[in-house]
């Protein structure tokens, strides 16, 4: 759970990783930082066996993606409002 709400984190034992947070989209993907704190926390939780895996059926995937895109869009709108109001 981040400051702006829940984030989706997905990673494996390779270098592939994803987080739905603002920091990942704008700083990690641009190469400014190597990882967001959500991925760091998820990797630590995995190393200490303190995590929960959520699985769902193929039929649920469309609804999941819709919710994910909606959440990302909402987070971006919130960030844009904060940036606009501080200018």
Protein backbone atom coordinates (compact mmCIF):
# COMPACT_ATOMS: atom_id res chain seq x y z
CA UNK A 1 0.00 0.00 0.00
CA UNK A 2 1.48 3.30 -1.04
CA UNK A 3 0.78 6.89 -0.06
CA UNK A 4 -1.65 7.21 -2.98
CA UNK A 5 -3.40 3.84 -2.45
CA UNK A 6 -2.74 0.26 -3.48
CA UNK A 7 -0.17 -0.54 -6.15
CA UNK A 8 0.10 -3.61 -8.32
CA UNK A 9 3.56 -5.14 -8.12
CA UNK A 10 4.70 -7.95 -10.40
CA UNK A 11 8.20 -9.38 -10.63
CA UNK A 12 10.06 -12.63 -11.06
CA UNK A 13 13.61 -13.85 -10.48
CA UNK A 14 14.88 -12.06 -13.59
CA UNK A 15 15.23 -8.31 -14.07
CA UNK A 16 11.62 -8.01 -15.26
CA UNK A 17 9.43 -6.09 -12.85
CA UNK A 18 6.35 -3.87 -12.88
CA UNK A 19 4.67 -1.55 -10.41
CA UNK A 20 1.61 0.59 -11.07
CA UNK A 21 2.93 3.51 -9.01
CA UNK A 22 3.81 6.95 -10.36
CA UNK A 23 7.47 6.56 -9.40
CA UNK A 24 7.85 3.38 -11.46
CA UNK A 25 6.26 4.92 -14.56
CA UNK A 26 8.17 8.18 -14.49
CA UNK A 27 11.46 7.48 -12.72
CA UNK A 28 12.20 3.76 -13.01
CA UNK A 29 11.21 3.40 -16.67
CA UNK A 30 13.20 6.52 -17.57
CA UNK A 31 16.26 5.09 -15.82
CA UNK A 32 16.44 7.81 -13.15
CA UNK A 33 16.24 5.26 -10.33
CA UNK A 34 16.68 1.48 -10.36
CA UNK A 35 13.48 0.60 -8.47
CA UNK A 36 10.49 2.04 -6.63
CA UNK A 37 10.03 1.35 -2.95
CA UNK A 38 7.03 -0.91 -3.67
CA UNK A 39 9.26 -3.32 -5.63
CA UNK A 40 11.94 -3.14 -2.94
CA UNK A 41 9.34 -3.94 -0.27
CA UNK A 42 7.86 -6.77 -2.34
CA UNK A 43 11.28 -8.34 -2.89
CA UNK A 44 12.05 -8.06 0.83
CA UNK A 45 8.67 -9.61 1.72
CA UNK A 46 9.34 -12.46 -0.71
CA UNK A 47 12.82 -13.05 0.72
CA UNK A 48 11.30 -13.24 4.21
CA UNK A 49 8.24 -15.28 3.08
CA UNK A 50 5.90 -12.50 4.23
CA UNK A 51 3.73 -12.03 1.16
CA UNK A 52 0.40 -13.06 -0.31
CA UNK A 53 -0.05 -14.20 -3.90
CA UNK A 54 -3.32 -13.33 -5.59
CA UNK A 55 -4.34 -15.60 -8.46
CA UNK A 56 -7.37 -15.34 -10.69
CA UNK A 57 -8.95 -17.23 -13.57
CA UNK A 58 -8.53 -16.21 -17.22
CA UNK A 59 -12.15 -15.00 -17.27
CA UNK A 60 -11.31 -12.45 -14.59
CA UNK A 61 -8.34 -10.98 -16.47
CA UNK A 62 -10.32 -8.37 -18.46
CA UNK A 63 -11.93 -6.97 -15.31
CA UNK A 64 -8.56 -6.95 -13.59
CA UNK A 65 -6.94 -5.00 -16.45
CA UNK A 66 -9.82 -2.51 -16.54
CA UNK A 67 -9.44 -1.89 -12.79
CA UNK A 68 -5.67 -1.57 -13.15
CA UNK A 69 -5.88 0.97 -15.99
CA UNK A 70 -8.52 2.92 -14.06
CA UNK A 71 -6.30 2.97 -10.97
CA UNK A 72 -3.26 4.13 -12.95
CA UNK A 73 -5.29 6.88 -14.65
CA UNK A 74 -6.66 8.01 -11.29
CA UNK A 75 -3.16 8.15 -9.78
CA UNK A 76 -1.90 10.19 -12.74
CA UNK A 77 -4.81 12.64 -12.49
CA UNK A 78 -4.11 13.07 -8.77
CA UNK A 79 -0.42 13.71 -9.42
CA UNK A 80 -1.23 16.18 -12.23
CA UNK A 81 -3.60 18.11 -9.94
CA UNK A 82 -0.91 18.29 -7.24
CA UNK A 83 1.67 19.50 -9.75
CA UNK A 84 -0.73 22.09 -11.20
CA UNK A 85 -1.75 23.43 -7.80
CA UNK A 86 1.86 23.82 -6.64
CA UNK A 87 2.87 25.83 -9.73
